[in-house]
Amino acid sequence: MINAIVLIHAEARRIPETAQAVADIDGVDKVYSCAGDIDLIAIVRVRDHAKIAEVVTEGINKVDGVSRTATHIAFQSYSSADVEAGFSIGE
């Protein structure tokens, strides 16, 4: 599975509707509204790189209220549980 993080700039007055429309796109796993320079963050989970392009360009970028996106493809995930498991010895 390929994961991508899509940073979304949206029209302020339409953030809730835009977030829901993005969340309804096939391939979008989650959408977070957030404070700061970015209005929404979408987590895209798909089987191949071509599908990421389709989800972003044909889906997210065409949602009313989306003004700009930046897509970042994840290579490796890390979590505190992964680090702890790597250092545990048969507990």
N, C-alpha and C. Protein backbone atom coordinates (compact mmCIF):
# COMPACT_ATOMS: atom_id res chain seq x y z
N MET A 1 0.85 -1.17 0.00
CA MET A 1 0.00 0.00 0.00
C MET A 1 0.90 1.24 0.00
N ILE A 2 0.56 2.21 -0.81
CA ILE A 2 1.30 3.47 -0.87
C ILE A 2 0.51 4.53 -0.13
N ASN A 3 1.21 5.27 0.72
CA ASN A 3 0.59 6.35 1.47
C ASN A 3 1.09 7.69 0.96
N ALA A 4 0.19 8.63 0.84
CA ALA A 4 0.57 9.99 0.47
C ALA A 4 -0.13 10.95 1.41
N ILE A 5 0.56 12.04 1.70
CA ILE A 5 0.02 13.09 2.54
C ILE A 5 -0.22 14.28 1.63
N VAL A 6 -1.46 14.74 1.57
CA VAL A 6 -1.81 15.86 0.70
C VAL A 6 -2.16 17.06 1.56
N LEU A 7 -1.36 18.11 1.43
CA LEU A 7 -1.59 19.36 2.15
C LEU A 7 -2.52 20.21 1.29
N ILE A 8 -3.61 20.68 1.88
CA ILE A 8 -4.66 21.35 1.11
C ILE A 8 -4.91 22.76 1.64
N HIS A 9 -4.83 23.73 0.74
CA HIS A 9 -5.27 25.09 1.04
C HIS A 9 -6.71 25.19 0.55
N ALA A 10 -7.59 25.65 1.41
CA ALA A 10 -9.01 25.71 1.08
C ALA A 10 -9.57 27.08 1.40
N GLU A 11 -10.70 27.39 0.75
CA GLU A 11 -11.41 28.64 1.07
C GLU A 11 -11.93 28.54 2.51
N ALA A 12 -11.60 29.52 3.33
CA ALA A 12 -11.92 29.46 4.76
C ALA A 12 -13.41 29.25 5.02
N ARG A 13 -14.25 29.85 4.26
CA ARG A 13 -15.69 29.75 4.50
C ARG A 13 -16.26 28.39 4.12
N ARG A 14 -15.47 27.57 3.41
CA ARG A 14 -15.97 26.28 2.94
C ARG A 14 -15.20 25.08 3.50
N ILE A 15 -14.42 25.29 4.53
CA ILE A 15 -13.56 24.21 5.04
C ILE A 15 -14.35 22.95 5.43
N PRO A 16 -15.43 23.04 6.21
CA PRO A 16 -16.13 21.80 6.58
C PRO A 16 -16.67 21.04 5.37
N GLU A 17 -17.29 21.75 4.43
CA GLU A 17 -17.83 21.09 3.24
C GLU A 17 -16.73 20.53 2.35
N THR A 18 -15.64 21.27 2.24
CA THR A 18 -14.50 20.82 1.44
C THR A 18 -13.89 19.57 2.05
N ALA A 19 -13.72 19.58 3.35
CA ALA A 19 -13.14 18.41 4.05
C ALA A 19 -14.00 17.18 3.82
N GLN A 20 -15.31 17.31 3.92
CA GLN A 20 -16.19 16.16 3.73
C GLN A 20 -16.16 15.67 2.29
N ALA A 21 -16.12 16.59 1.34
CA ALA A 21 -16.06 16.19 -0.07
C ALA A 21 -14.76 15.46 -0.38
N VAL A 22 -13.66 15.91 0.20
CA VAL A 22 -12.37 15.23 0.01
C VAL A 22 -12.42 13.85 0.67
N ALA A 23 -12.98 13.76 1.87
CA ALA A 23 -13.07 12.49 2.59
C ALA A 23 -13.89 11.46 1.82
N ASP A 24 -14.83 11.92 1.01
CA ASP A 24 -15.70 11.01 0.25
C ASP A 24 -15.05 10.46 -1.02
N ILE A 25 -13.86 10.92 -1.35
CA ILE A 25 -13.16 10.46 -2.56
C ILE A 25 -12.55 9.08 -2.30
N ASP A 26 -12.76 8.16 -3.23
CA ASP A 26 -12.18 6.83 -3.12
C ASP A 26 -10.66 6.92 -3.11
N GLY A 27 -10.03 6.33 -2.11
CA GLY A 27 -8.59 6.38 -1.95
C GLY A 27 -8.15 7.31 -0.83
N VAL A 28 -9.05 8.21 -0.41
CA VAL A 28 -8.73 9.09 0.72
C VAL A 28 -9.12 8.35 1.99
N ASP A 29 -8.13 8.14 2.86
CA ASP A 29 -8.36 7.41 4.10
C ASP A 29 -8.90 8.31 5.20
N LYS A 30 -8.28 9.48 5.38
CA LYS A 30 -8.69 10.42 6.43
C LYS A 30 -8.44 11.84 5.96
N VAL A 31 -9.17 12.76 6.55
CA VAL A 31 -8.94 14.19 6.32
C VAL A 31 -8.93 14.87 7.68
N TYR A 32 -7.92 15.68 7.92
CA TYR A 32 -7.80 16.43 9.16
C TYR A 32 -7.90 17.92 8.87
N SER A 33 -8.68 18.64 9.65
CA SER A 33 -8.61 20.10 9.60
C SER A 33 -7.54 20.49 10.62
N CYS A 34 -6.83 21.55 10.33
CA CYS A 34 -5.74 21.91 11.24
C CYS A 34 -5.51 23.42 11.26
N ALA A 35 -4.79 23.86 12.25
CA ALA A 35 -4.41 25.26 12.38
C ALA A 35 -3.07 25.46 11.70
N GLY A 36 -2.79 26.69 11.35
CA GLY A 36 -1.50 26.99 10.74
C GLY A 36 -1.63 27.34 9.27
N ASP A 37 -0.56 27.10 8.52
CA ASP A 37 -0.51 27.48 7.12
C ASP A 37 -1.37 26.61 6.22
N ILE A 38 -1.67 25.41 6.66
CA ILE A 38 -2.45 24.45 5.87
C ILE A 38 -3.83 24.32 6.49
N ASP A 39 -4.84 24.26 5.64
CA ASP A 39 -6.21 24.16 6.14
C ASP A 39 -6.64 22.72 6.40
N LEU A 40 -6.28 21.82 5.48
CA LEU A 40 -6.66 20.41 5.57
C LEU A 40 -5.47 19.53 5.22
N ILE A 41 -5.43 18.36 5.82
CA ILE A 41 -4.44 17.34 5.45
C ILE A 41 -5.21 16.07 5.14
N ALA A 42 -5.00 15.54 3.93
CA ALA A 42 -5.65 14.30 3.53
C ALA A 42 -4.61 13.19 3.50
N ILE A 43 -4.96 12.04 4.04
CA ILE A 43 -4.12 10.85 3.96
C ILE A 43 -4.71 9.97 2.87
N VAL A 44 -3.91 9.73 1.84
CA VAL A 44 -4.34 8.92 0.70
C VAL A 44 -3.63 7.57 0.80
N ARG A 45 -4.39 6.50 0.68
CA ARG A 45 -3.84 5.13 0.72
C ARG A 45 -4.34 4.39 -0.51
N VAL A 46 -3.40 4.07 -1.40
CA VAL A 46 -3.74 3.40 -2.66
C VAL A 46 -2.70 2.33 -2.99
N ARG A 47 -2.97 1.54 -4.01
CA ARG A 47 -2.09 0.43 -4.36
C ARG A 47 -0.93 0.79 -5.29
N ASP A 48 -1.05 1.88 -6.07
CA ASP A 48 0.06 2.23 -6.97
C ASP A 48 0.15 3.74 -7.17
N HIS A 49 1.29 4.17 -7.70
CA HIS A 49 1.54 5.60 -7.87
C HIS A 49 0.57 6.26 -8.85
N ALA A 50 0.17 5.55 -9.87
CA ALA A 50 -0.77 6.11 -10.84
C ALA A 50 -2.08 6.48 -10.16
N LYS A 51 -2.49 5.69 -9.19
CA LYS A 51 -3.74 5.96 -8.47
C LYS A 51 -3.61 7.22 -7.62
N ILE A 52 -2.42 7.48 -7.07
CA ILE A 52 -2.22 8.73 -6.31
C ILE A 52 -2.47 9.92 -7.23
N ALA A 53 -1.90 9.87 -8.42
CA ALA A 53 -2.09 10.96 -9.37
C ALA A 53 -3.56 11.15 -9.69
N GLU A 54 -4.28 10.05 -9.86
CA GLU A 54 -5.71 10.12 -10.16
C GLU A 54 -6.49 10.72 -8.99
N VAL A 55 -6.23 10.25 -7.78
CA VAL A 55 -6.96 10.74 -6.61
C VAL A 55 -6.72 12.23 -6.41
N VAL A 56 -5.48 12.67 -6.58
CA VAL A 56 -5.16 14.08 -6.34
C VAL A 56 -5.64 14.96 -7.49
N THR A 57 -5.25 14.63 -8.73
CA THR A 57 -5.56 15.54 -9.84
C THR A 57 -7.01 15.46 -10.30
N GLU A 58 -7.57 14.26 -10.30
CA GLU A 58 -8.94 14.11 -10.77
C GLU A 58 -9.97 14.21 -9.64
N GLY A 59 -9.50 14.06 -8.41
CA GLY A 59 -10.41 14.10 -7.27
C GLY A 59 -10.24 15.34 -6.42
N ILE A 60 -9.21 15.35 -5.60
CA ILE A 60 -9.02 16.42 -4.62
C ILE A 60 -8.94 17.80 -5.27
N ASN A 61 -8.14 17.94 -6.31
CA ASN A 61 -7.96 19.25 -6.94
C ASN A 61 -9.23 19.80 -7.58
N LYS A 62 -10.21 18.95 -7.83
CA LYS A 62 -11.45 19.39 -8.47
C LYS A 62 -12.58 19.66 -7.47
N VAL A 63 -12.32 19.48 -6.20
CA VAL A 63 -13.33 19.73 -5.17
C VAL A 63 -13.51 21.24 -5.01
N ASP A 64 -14.77 21.68 -5.00
CA ASP A 64 -15.06 23.10 -4.75
C ASP A 64 -14.50 23.48 -3.39
N GLY A 65 -13.77 24.59 -3.35
CA GLY A 65 -13.19 25.07 -2.11
C GLY A 65 -11.70 24.79 -2.01
N VAL A 66 -11.18 23.84 -2.79
CA VAL A 66 -9.74 23.56 -2.80
C VAL A 66 -9.07 24.58 -3.70
N SER A 67 -8.10 25.32 -3.16
CA SER A 67 -7.40 26.31 -3.97
C SER A 67 -6.01 25.86 -4.38
N ARG A 68 -5.38 24.98 -3.58
CA ARG A 68 -4.02 24.53 -3.89
C ARG A 68 -3.69 23.29 -3.07
N THR A 69 -2.90 22.40 -3.65
CA THR A 69 -2.46 21.21 -2.91
C THR A 69 -0.96 21.00 -3.09
N ALA A 70 -0.38 20.26 -2.16
CA ALA A 70 1.00 19.78 -2.26
C ALA A 70 0.97 18.34 -1.77
N THR A 71 1.51 17.44 -2.58
CA THR A 71 1.46 16.01 -2.27
C THR A 71 2.83 15.49 -1.89
N HIS A 72 2.87 14.73 -0.81
CA HIS A 72 4.11 14.13 -0.31
C HIS A 72 3.89 12.62 -0.20
N ILE A 73 4.72 11.83 -0.89
CA ILE A 73 4.60 10.38 -0.84
C ILE A 73 5.47 9.86 0.30
N ALA A 74 4.88 9.02 1.14
CA ALA A 74 5.59 8.47 2.30
C ALA A 74 6.41 7.26 1.88
N PHE A 75 7.65 7.19 2.34
CA PHE A 75 8.52 6.04 2.07
C PHE A 75 8.50 5.03 3.20
N GLN A 76 8.56 5.52 4.43
CA GLN A 76 8.68 4.65 5.60
C GLN A 76 7.87 5.27 6.73
N SER A 77 7.22 4.42 7.52
CA SER A 77 6.52 4.94 8.69
C SER A 77 7.24 4.51 9.95
N TYR A 78 7.18 5.34 10.95
CA TYR A 78 7.81 5.08 12.24
C TYR A 78 6.79 5.38 13.33
N SER A 79 6.83 4.61 14.39
CA SER A 79 5.99 4.90 15.55
C SER A 79 6.75 4.50 16.80
N SER A 80 6.31 5.00 17.93
CA SER A 80 6.98 4.66 19.19
C SER A 80 6.88 3.16 19.45
N ALA A 81 5.79 2.52 19.05
CA ALA A 81 5.64 1.07 19.24
C ALA A 81 6.67 0.31 18.42
N ASP A 82 6.97 0.77 17.20
CA ASP A 82 7.97 0.11 16.36
C ASP A 82 9.35 0.21 17.00
N VAL A 83 9.68 1.39 17.52
CA VAL A 83 11.00 1.58 18.16
C VAL A 83 11.13 0.71 19.39
N GLU A 84 10.09 0.67 20.23
CA GLU A 84 10.13 -0.14 21.44
C GLU A 84 10.25 -1.63 21.11
N ALA A 85 9.55 -2.09 20.07
CA ALA A 85 9.62 -3.49 19.69
C ALA A 85 11.01 -3.87 19.21
N GLY A 86 11.68 -2.93 18.57
CA GLY A 86 13.04 -3.20 18.08
C GLY A 86 14.05 -3.38 19.20
N PHE A 87 13.78 -2.81 20.37
CA PHE A 87 14.71 -2.90 21.48
C PHE A 87 14.28 -3.91 22.56
N SER A 88 13.09 -4.50 22.42
CA SER A 88 12.68 -5.46 23.43
C SER A 88 13.31 -6.82 23.14
N ILE A 89 13.59 -7.55 24.19
CA ILE A 89 14.23 -8.86 24.05
C ILE A 89 13.29 -9.89 24.63
N GLY A 90 12.44 -10.44 23.79
CA GLY A 90 11.57 -11.54 24.16
C GLY A 90 10.72 -11.31 25.38
N GLU A 91 10.21 -10.15 25.57
CA GLU A 91 9.36 -9.89 26.74
C GLU A 91 7.99 -10.43 26.55
